Amino acid sequence: MSSEVDHPQHYRADTGYEAIDVIEAWGLGFCLGNTVKYISRAGRKDREKEIQDLEKAQWYLARHITRLRGGRSKT
């Protein structure tokens, strides 16, 4: 598999870790996993979309908090 599919540069933080490795090691699940993913990649693929990446992380975190509180997400 090509590196653009399997290990694109914007997936790997300067530390050498990929978000997926952290997500799986910590057993974060979908919403928290996506929160970590968007934070770790924010602005790395497209600098002009850094705020959008962080807003996506915020959305997934808010959804997880809503579920913990026993609420239902509106999506």
PDB file of N, CA and C in Angstrom:
ATOM      1  N   MET A   1       0.846  -1.175   0.000  1.00  0.00           N
ATOM      2  CA  MET A   1       0.000   0.000   0.000  1.00  0.00           C
ATOM      3  C   MET A   1       0.892   1.239   0.000  1.00  0.00           C
ATOM      4  N   SER A   2       0.495   2.252  -0.734  1.00  0.00           N
ATOM      5  CA  SER A   2       1.329   3.447  -0.833  1.00  0.00           C
ATOM      6  C   SER A   2       1.336   4.232   0.470  1.00  0.00           C
ATOM      7  N   SER A   3       2.387   5.015   0.651  1.00  0.00           N
ATOM      8  CA  SER A   3       2.500   5.796   1.880  1.00  0.00           C
ATOM      9  C   SER A   3       1.429   6.876   1.955  1.00  0.00           C
ATOM     10  N   GLU A   4       0.885   7.302   0.814  1.00  0.00           N
ATOM     11  CA  GLU A   4      -0.176   8.307   0.825  1.00  0.00           C
ATOM     12  C   GLU A   4      -1.492   7.732   1.345  1.00  0.00           C
ATOM     13  N   VAL A   5      -1.639   6.437   1.307  1.00  0.00           N
ATOM     14  CA  VAL A   5      -2.835   5.784   1.837  1.00  0.00           C
ATOM     15  C   VAL A   5      -2.561   5.253   3.242  1.00  0.00           C
ATOM     16  N   ASP A   6      -1.441   4.606   3.409  1.00  0.00           N
ATOM     17  CA  ASP A   6      -1.132   3.914   4.654  1.00  0.00           C
ATOM     18  C   ASP A   6      -0.522   4.829   5.715  1.00  0.00           C
ATOM     19  N   HIS A   7       0.382   5.700   5.346  1.00  0.00           N
ATOM     20  CA  HIS A   7       1.059   6.558   6.322  1.00  0.00           C
ATOM     21  C   HIS A   7       1.352   7.950   5.750  1.00  0.00           C
ATOM     22  N   PRO A   8       0.315   8.724   5.404  1.00  0.00           N
ATOM     23  CA  PRO A   8       0.581  10.074   4.892  1.00  0.00           C
ATOM     24  C   PRO A   8       1.325  10.914   5.929  1.00  0.00           C
ATOM     25  N   GLN A   9       2.099  11.854   5.459  1.00  0.00           N
ATOM     26  CA  GLN A   9       2.917  12.694   6.340  1.00  0.00           C
ATOM     27  C   GLN A   9       2.081  13.416   7.388  1.00  0.00           C
ATOM     28  N   HIS A  10       0.901  13.911   7.017  1.00  0.00           N
ATOM     29  CA  HIS A  10       0.084  14.662   7.975  1.00  0.00           C
ATOM     30  C   HIS A  10      -0.521  13.776   9.060  1.00  0.00           C
ATOM     31  N   TYR A  11      -0.422  12.457   8.923  1.00  0.00           N
ATOM     32  CA  TYR A  11      -0.911  11.544   9.960  1.00  0.00           C
ATOM     33  C   TYR A  11       0.089  11.377  11.090  1.00  0.00           C
ATOM     34  N   ARG A  12       1.356  11.561  10.806  1.00  0.00           N
ATOM     35  CA  ARG A  12       2.400  11.298  11.786  1.00  0.00           C
ATOM     36  C   ARG A  12       2.831  12.602  12.435  1.00  0.00           C
ATOM     37  N   ALA A  13       2.683  12.664  13.731  1.00  0.00           N
ATOM     38  CA  ALA A  13       3.119  13.849  14.478  1.00  0.00           C
ATOM     39  C   ALA A  13       4.641  13.898  14.499  1.00  0.00           C
ATOM     40  N   ASP A  14       5.177  15.009  14.914  1.00  0.00           N
ATOM     41  CA  ASP A  14       6.631  15.154  15.006  1.00  0.00           C
ATOM     42  C   ASP A  14       7.245  14.120  15.951  1.00  0.00           C
ATOM     43  N   THR A  15       6.439  13.574  16.835  1.00  0.00           N
ATOM     44  CA  THR A  15       6.914  12.564  17.784  1.00  0.00           C
ATOM     45  C   THR A  15       7.102  11.205  17.139  1.00  0.00           C
ATOM     46  N   GLY A  16       6.522  11.030  15.941  1.00  0.00           N
ATOM     47  CA  GLY A  16       6.594   9.741  15.273  1.00  0.00           C
ATOM     48  C   GLY A  16       5.360   8.883  15.501  1.00  0.00           C
ATOM     49  N   TYR A  17       4.471   9.307  16.376  1.00  0.00           N
ATOM     50  CA  TYR A  17       3.247   8.556  16.650  1.00  0.00           C
ATOM     51  C   TYR A  17       2.151   8.981  15.688  1.00  0.00           C
ATOM     52  N   GLU A  18       1.331   8.034  15.299  1.00  0.00           N
ATOM     53  CA  GLU A  18       0.145   8.346  14.521  1.00  0.00           C
ATOM     54  C   GLU A  18      -1.051   8.330  15.462  1.00  0.00           C
ATOM     55  N   ALA A  19      -2.027   9.158  15.135  1.00  0.00           N
ATOM     56  CA  ALA A  19      -3.229   9.247  15.970  1.00  0.00           C
ATOM     57  C   ALA A  19      -3.858   7.872  16.177  1.00  0.00           C
ATOM     58  N   ILE A  20      -3.912   7.062  15.140  1.00  0.00           N
ATOM     59  CA  ILE A  20      -4.546   5.746  15.254  1.00  0.00           C
ATOM     60  C   ILE A  20      -3.855   4.872  16.294  1.00  0.00           C
ATOM     61  N   ASP A  21      -2.525   4.993  16.405  1.00  0.00           N
ATOM     62  CA  ASP A  21      -1.793   4.214  17.404  1.00  0.00           C
ATOM     63  C   ASP A  21      -2.206   4.604  18.820  1.00  0.00           C
ATOM     64  N   VAL A  22      -2.336   5.888  19.053  1.00  0.00           N
ATOM     65  CA  VAL A  22      -2.744   6.390  20.369  1.00  0.00           C
ATOM     66  C   VAL A  22      -4.191   6.005  20.659  1.00  0.00           C
ATOM     67  N   ILE A  23      -5.058   6.192  19.682  1.00  0.00           N
ATOM     68  CA  ILE A  23      -6.482   5.876  19.842  1.00  0.00           C
ATOM     69  C   ILE A  23      -6.669   4.402  20.203  1.00  0.00           C
ATOM     70  N   GLU A  24      -5.988   3.531  19.483  1.00  0.00           N
ATOM     71  CA  GLU A  24      -6.109   2.092  19.761  1.00  0.00           C
ATOM     72  C   GLU A  24      -5.473   1.714  21.090  1.00  0.00           C
ATOM     73  N   ALA A  25      -4.309   2.280  21.396  1.00  0.00           N
ATOM     74  CA  ALA A  25      -3.626   1.955  22.659  1.00  0.00           C
ATOM     75  C   ALA A  25      -4.453   2.370  23.864  1.00  0.00           C
ATOM     76  N   TRP A  26      -5.134   3.493  23.751  1.00  0.00           N
ATOM     77  CA  TRP A  26      -5.929   4.006  24.864  1.00  0.00           C
ATOM     78  C   TRP A  26      -7.377   3.530  24.829  1.00  0.00           C
ATOM     79  N   GLY A  27      -7.780   2.808  23.784  1.00  0.00           N
ATOM     80  CA  GLY A  27      -9.148   2.299  23.670  1.00  0.00           C
ATOM     81  C   GLY A  27     -10.191   3.400  23.714  1.00  0.00           C
ATOM     82  N   LEU A  28      -9.990   4.446  22.929  1.00  0.00           N
ATOM     83  CA  LEU A  28     -10.828   5.641  23.048  1.00  0.00           C
ATOM     84  C   LEU A  28     -12.208   5.545  22.417  1.00  0.00           C
ATOM     85  N   GLY A  29     -12.420   4.663  21.498  1.00  0.00           N
ATOM     86  CA  GLY A  29     -13.713   4.599  20.843  1.00  0.00           C
ATOM     87  C   GLY A  29     -13.860   5.691  19.798  1.00  0.00           C
ATOM     88  N   PHE A  30     -15.047   5.766  19.192  1.00  0.00           N
ATOM     89  CA  PHE A  30     -15.250   6.605  18.019  1.00  0.00           C
ATOM     90  C   PHE A  30     -15.139   8.100  18.302  1.00  0.00           C
ATOM     91  N   CYS A  31     -15.956   8.627  19.197  1.00  0.00           N
ATOM     92  CA  CYS A  31     -15.984  10.084  19.407  1.00  0.00           C
ATOM     93  C   CYS A  31     -14.681  10.615  19.996  1.00  0.00           C
ATOM     94  N   LEU A  32     -14.178   9.998  21.028  1.00  0.00           N
ATOM     95  CA  LEU A  32     -12.915  10.470  21.603  1.00  0.00           C
ATOM     96  C   LEU A  32     -11.753  10.211  20.647  1.00  0.00           C
ATOM     97  N   GLY A  33     -11.826   9.117  19.907  1.00  0.00           N
ATOM     98  CA  GLY A  33     -10.802   8.837  18.912  1.00  0.00           C
ATOM     99  C   GLY A  33     -10.749   9.917  17.842  1.00  0.00           C
ATOM    100  N   ASN A  34     -11.915  10.328  17.369  1.00  0.00           N
ATOM    101  CA  ASN A  34     -11.952  11.394  16.369  1.00  0.00           C
ATOM    102  C   ASN A  34     -11.506  12.728  16.957  1.00  0.00           C
ATOM    103  N   THR A  35     -11.792  12.964  18.217  1.00  0.00           N
ATOM    104  CA  THR A  35     -11.313  14.177  18.869  1.00  0.00           C
ATOM    105  C   THR A  35      -9.793  14.223  18.838  1.00  0.00           C
ATOM    106  N   VAL A  36      -9.160  13.135  19.236  1.00  0.00           N
ATOM    107  CA  VAL A  36      -7.694  13.056  19.219  1.00  0.00           C
ATOM    108  C   VAL A  36      -7.168  13.192  17.792  1.00  0.00           C
ATOM    109  N   LYS A  37      -7.823  12.519  16.855  1.00  0.00           N
ATOM    110  CA  LYS A  37      -7.389  12.558  15.460  1.00  0.00           C
ATOM    111  C   LYS A  37      -7.381  13.983  14.928  1.00  0.00           C
ATOM    112  N   TYR A  38      -8.473  14.698  15.113  1.00  0.00           N
ATOM    113  CA  TYR A  38      -8.549  16.056  14.571  1.00  0.00           C
ATOM    114  C   TYR A  38      -7.606  17.021  15.276  1.00  0.00           C
ATOM    115  N   ILE A  39      -7.417  16.854  16.562  1.00  0.00           N
ATOM    116  CA  ILE A  39      -6.458  17.715  17.272  1.00  0.00           C
ATOM    117  C   ILE A  39      -5.038  17.432  16.792  1.00  0.00           C
ATOM    118  N   SER A  40      -4.690  16.170  16.669  1.00  0.00           N
ATOM    119  CA  SER A  40      -3.316  15.825  16.298  1.00  0.00           C
ATOM    120  C   SER A  40      -2.981  16.214  14.859  1.00  0.00           C
ATOM    121  N   ARG A  41      -3.982  16.294  14.004  1.00  0.00           N
ATOM    122  CA  ARG A  41      -3.742  16.615  12.597  1.00  0.00           C
ATOM    123  C   ARG A  41      -4.087  18.061  12.247  1.00  0.00           C
ATOM    124  N   ALA A  42      -4.560  18.815  13.210  1.00  0.00           N
ATOM    125  CA  ALA A  42      -5.041  20.177  12.941  1.00  0.00           C
ATOM    126  C   ALA A  42      -4.003  21.004  12.187  1.00  0.00           C
ATOM    127  N   GLY A  43      -4.389  21.435  10.991  1.00  0.00           N
ATOM    128  CA  GLY A  43      -3.531  22.290  10.189  1.00  0.00           C
ATOM    129  C   GLY A  43      -2.369  21.610   9.511  1.00  0.00           C
ATOM    130  N   ARG A  44      -2.174  20.333   9.722  1.00  0.00           N
ATOM    131  CA  ARG A  44      -1.006  19.654   9.141  1.00  0.00           C
ATOM    132  C   ARG A  44      -1.210  19.325   7.664  1.00  0.00           C
ATOM    133  N   LYS A  45      -2.425  19.022   7.269  1.00  0.00           N
ATOM    134  CA  LYS A  45      -2.702  18.709   5.868  1.00  0.00           C
ATOM    135  C   LYS A  45      -2.937  20.003   5.088  1.00  0.00           C
ATOM    136  N   ASP A  46      -3.691  20.900   5.698  1.00  0.00           N
ATOM    137  CA  ASP A  46      -4.025  22.178   5.052  1.00  0.00           C
ATOM    138  C   ASP A  46      -4.053  23.258   6.132  1.00  0.00           C
ATOM    139  N   ARG A  47      -3.047  24.118   6.135  1.00  0.00           N
ATOM    140  CA  ARG A  47      -2.921  25.167   7.156  1.00  0.00           C
ATOM    141  C   ARG A  47      -4.168  26.039   7.253  1.00  0.00           C
ATOM    142  N   GLU A  48      -4.823  26.242   6.128  1.00  0.00           N
ATOM    143  CA  GLU A  48      -6.000  27.116   6.100  1.00  0.00           C
ATOM    144  C   GLU A  48      -7.227  26.468   6.729  1.00  0.00           C
ATOM    145  N   LYS A  49      -7.141  25.188   7.033  1.00  0.00           N
ATOM    146  CA  LYS A  49      -8.272  24.484   7.644  1.00  0.00           C
ATOM    147  C   LYS A  49      -8.013  24.095   9.091  1.00  0.00           C
ATOM    148  N   GLU A  50      -7.029  24.719   9.714  1.00  0.00           N
ATOM    149  CA  GLU A  50      -6.709  24.374  11.108  1.00  0.00           C
ATOM    150  C   GLU A  50      -7.891  24.631  12.036  1.00  0.00           C
ATOM    151  N   ILE A  51      -8.543  25.767  11.879  1.00  0.00           N
ATOM    152  CA  ILE A  51      -9.703  26.068  12.734  1.00  0.00           C
ATOM    153  C   ILE A  51     -10.815  25.064  12.481  1.00  0.00           C
ATOM    154  N   GLN A  52     -11.048  24.704  11.235  1.00  0.00           N
ATOM    155  CA  GLN A  52     -12.072  23.709  10.922  1.00  0.00           C
ATOM    156  C   GLN A  52     -11.753  22.366  11.577  1.00  0.00           C
ATOM    157  N   ASP A  53     -10.501  21.958  11.535  1.00  0.00           N
ATOM    158  CA  ASP A  53     -10.097  20.710  12.188  1.00  0.00           C
ATOM    159  C   ASP A  53     -10.386  20.762  13.686  1.00  0.00           C
ATOM    160  N   LEU A  54     -10.067  21.880  14.313  1.00  0.00           N
ATOM    161  CA  LEU A  54     -10.301  22.020  15.756  1.00  0.00           C
ATOM    162  C   LEU A  54     -11.790  22.080  16.079  1.00  0.00           C
ATOM    163  N   GLU A  55     -12.575  22.683  15.199  1.00  0.00           N
ATOM    164  CA  GLU A  55     -14.026  22.700  15.400  1.00  0.00           C
ATOM    165  C   GLU A  55     -14.614  21.292  15.285  1.00  0.00           C
ATOM    166  N   LYS A  56     -14.062  20.488  14.387  1.00  0.00           N
ATOM    167  CA  LYS A  56     -14.505  19.092  14.282  1.00  0.00           C
ATOM    168  C   LYS A  56     -14.179  18.340  15.573  1.00  0.00           C
ATOM    169  N   ALA A  57     -12.988  18.558  16.111  1.00  0.00           N
ATOM    170  CA  ALA A  57     -12.605  17.925  17.378  1.00  0.00           C
ATOM    171  C   ALA A  57     -13.564  18.348  18.483  1.00  0.00           C
ATOM    172  N   GLN A  58     -13.881  19.619  18.523  1.00  0.00           N
ATOM    173  CA  GLN A  58     -14.803  20.156  19.525  1.00  0.00           C
ATOM    174  C   GLN A  58     -16.185  19.513  19.387  1.00  0.00           C
ATOM    175  N   TRP A  59     -16.645  19.309  18.158  1.00  0.00           N
ATOM    176  CA  TRP A  59     -17.948  18.711  17.904  1.00  0.00           C
ATOM    177  C   TRP A  59     -17.996  17.282  18.443  1.00  0.00           C
ATOM    178  N   TYR A  60     -16.955  16.491  18.142  1.00  0.00           N
ATOM    179  CA  TYR A  60     -16.920  15.109  18.626  1.00  0.00           C
ATOM    180  C   TYR A  60     -16.817  15.043  20.146  1.00  0.00           C
ATOM    181  N   LEU A  61     -16.071  15.946  20.748  1.00  0.00           N
ATOM    182  CA  LEU A  61     -15.967  15.967  22.207  1.00  0.00           C
ATOM    183  C   LEU A  61     -17.309  16.340  22.841  1.00  0.00           C
ATOM    184  N   ALA A  62     -17.980  17.330  22.278  1.00  0.00           N
ATOM    185  CA  ALA A  62     -19.301  17.725  22.795  1.00  0.00           C
ATOM    186  C   ALA A  62     -20.298  16.576  22.670  1.00  0.00           C
ATOM    187  N   ARG A  63     -20.240  15.846  21.574  1.00  0.00           N
ATOM    188  CA  ARG A  63     -21.141  14.699  21.383  1.00  0.00           C
ATOM    189  C   ARG A  63     -20.889  13.637  22.452  1.00  0.00           C
ATOM    190  N   HIS A  64     -19.621  13.376  22.742  1.00  0.00           N
ATOM    191  CA  HIS A  64     -19.281  12.385  23.766  1.00  0.00           C
ATOM    192  C   HIS A  64     -19.771  12.841  25.147  1.00  0.00           C
ATOM    193  N   ILE A  65     -19.580  14.091  25.472  1.00  0.00           N
ATOM    194  CA  ILE A  65     -20.034  14.630  26.760  1.00  0.00           C
ATOM    195  C   ILE A  65     -21.551  14.529  26.866  1.00  0.00           C
ATOM    196  N   THR A  66     -22.250  14.859  25.793  1.00  0.00           N
ATOM    197  CA  THR A  66     -23.716  14.759  25.795  1.00  0.00           C
ATOM    198  C   THR A  66     -24.163  13.334  26.081  1.00  0.00           C
ATOM    199  N   ARG A  67     -23.515  12.382  25.466  1.00  0.00           N
ATOM    200  CA  ARG A  67     -23.866  10.971  25.704  1.00  0.00           C
ATOM    201  C   ARG A  67     -23.557  10.542  27.132  1.00  0.00           C
ATOM    202  N   LEU A  68     -22.457  11.015  27.686  1.00  0.00           N
ATOM    203  CA  LEU A  68     -22.120  10.678  29.080  1.00  0.00           C
ATOM    204  C   LEU A  68     -23.169  11.223  30.044  1.00  0.00           C
ATOM    205  N   ARG A  69     -23.730  12.358  29.696  1.00  0.00           N
ATOM    206  CA  ARG A  69     -24.752  12.977  30.544  1.00  0.00           C
ATOM    207  C   ARG A  69     -26.124  12.338  30.333  1.00  0.00           C
ATOM    208  N   GLY A  70     -26.197  11.364  29.442  1.00  0.00           N
ATOM    209  CA  GLY A  70     -27.455  10.662  29.212  1.00  0.00           C
ATOM    210  C   GLY A  70     -28.316  11.288  28.152  1.00  0.00           C
ATOM    211  N   GLY A  71     -27.788  12.266  27.466  1.00  0.00           N
ATOM    212  CA  GLY A  71     -28.541  12.919  26.405  1.00  0.00           C
ATOM    213  C   GLY A  71     -28.345  12.226  25.076  1.00  0.00           C
ATOM    214  N   ARG A  72     -29.147  12.639  24.140  1.00  0.00           N
ATOM    215  CA  ARG A  72     -29.022  12.113  22.788  1.00  0.00           C
ATOM    216  C   ARG A  72     -28.460  13.189  21.882  1.00  0.00           C
ATOM    217  N   SER A  73     -27.613  12.791  20.971  1.00  0.00           N
ATOM    218  CA  SER A  73     -27.052  13.725  20.005  1.00  0.00           C
ATOM    219  C   SER A  73     -28.100  14.044  18.953  1.00  0.00           C
ATOM    220  N   LYS A  74     -28.025  15.213  18.378  1.00  0.00           N
ATOM    221  CA  LYS A  74     -29.008  15.668  17.389  1.00  0.00           C
ATOM    222  C   LYS A  74     -28.543  15.449  15.958  1.00  0.00           C
ATOM    223  N   THR A  75     -27.830  14.375  15.699  1.00  0.00           N
ATOM    224  CA  THR A  75     -27.381  14.150  14.316  1.00  0.00           C
ATOM    225  C   THR A  75     -27.959  12.913  13.735  1.00  0.00           C
TER     226      THR A  75
END
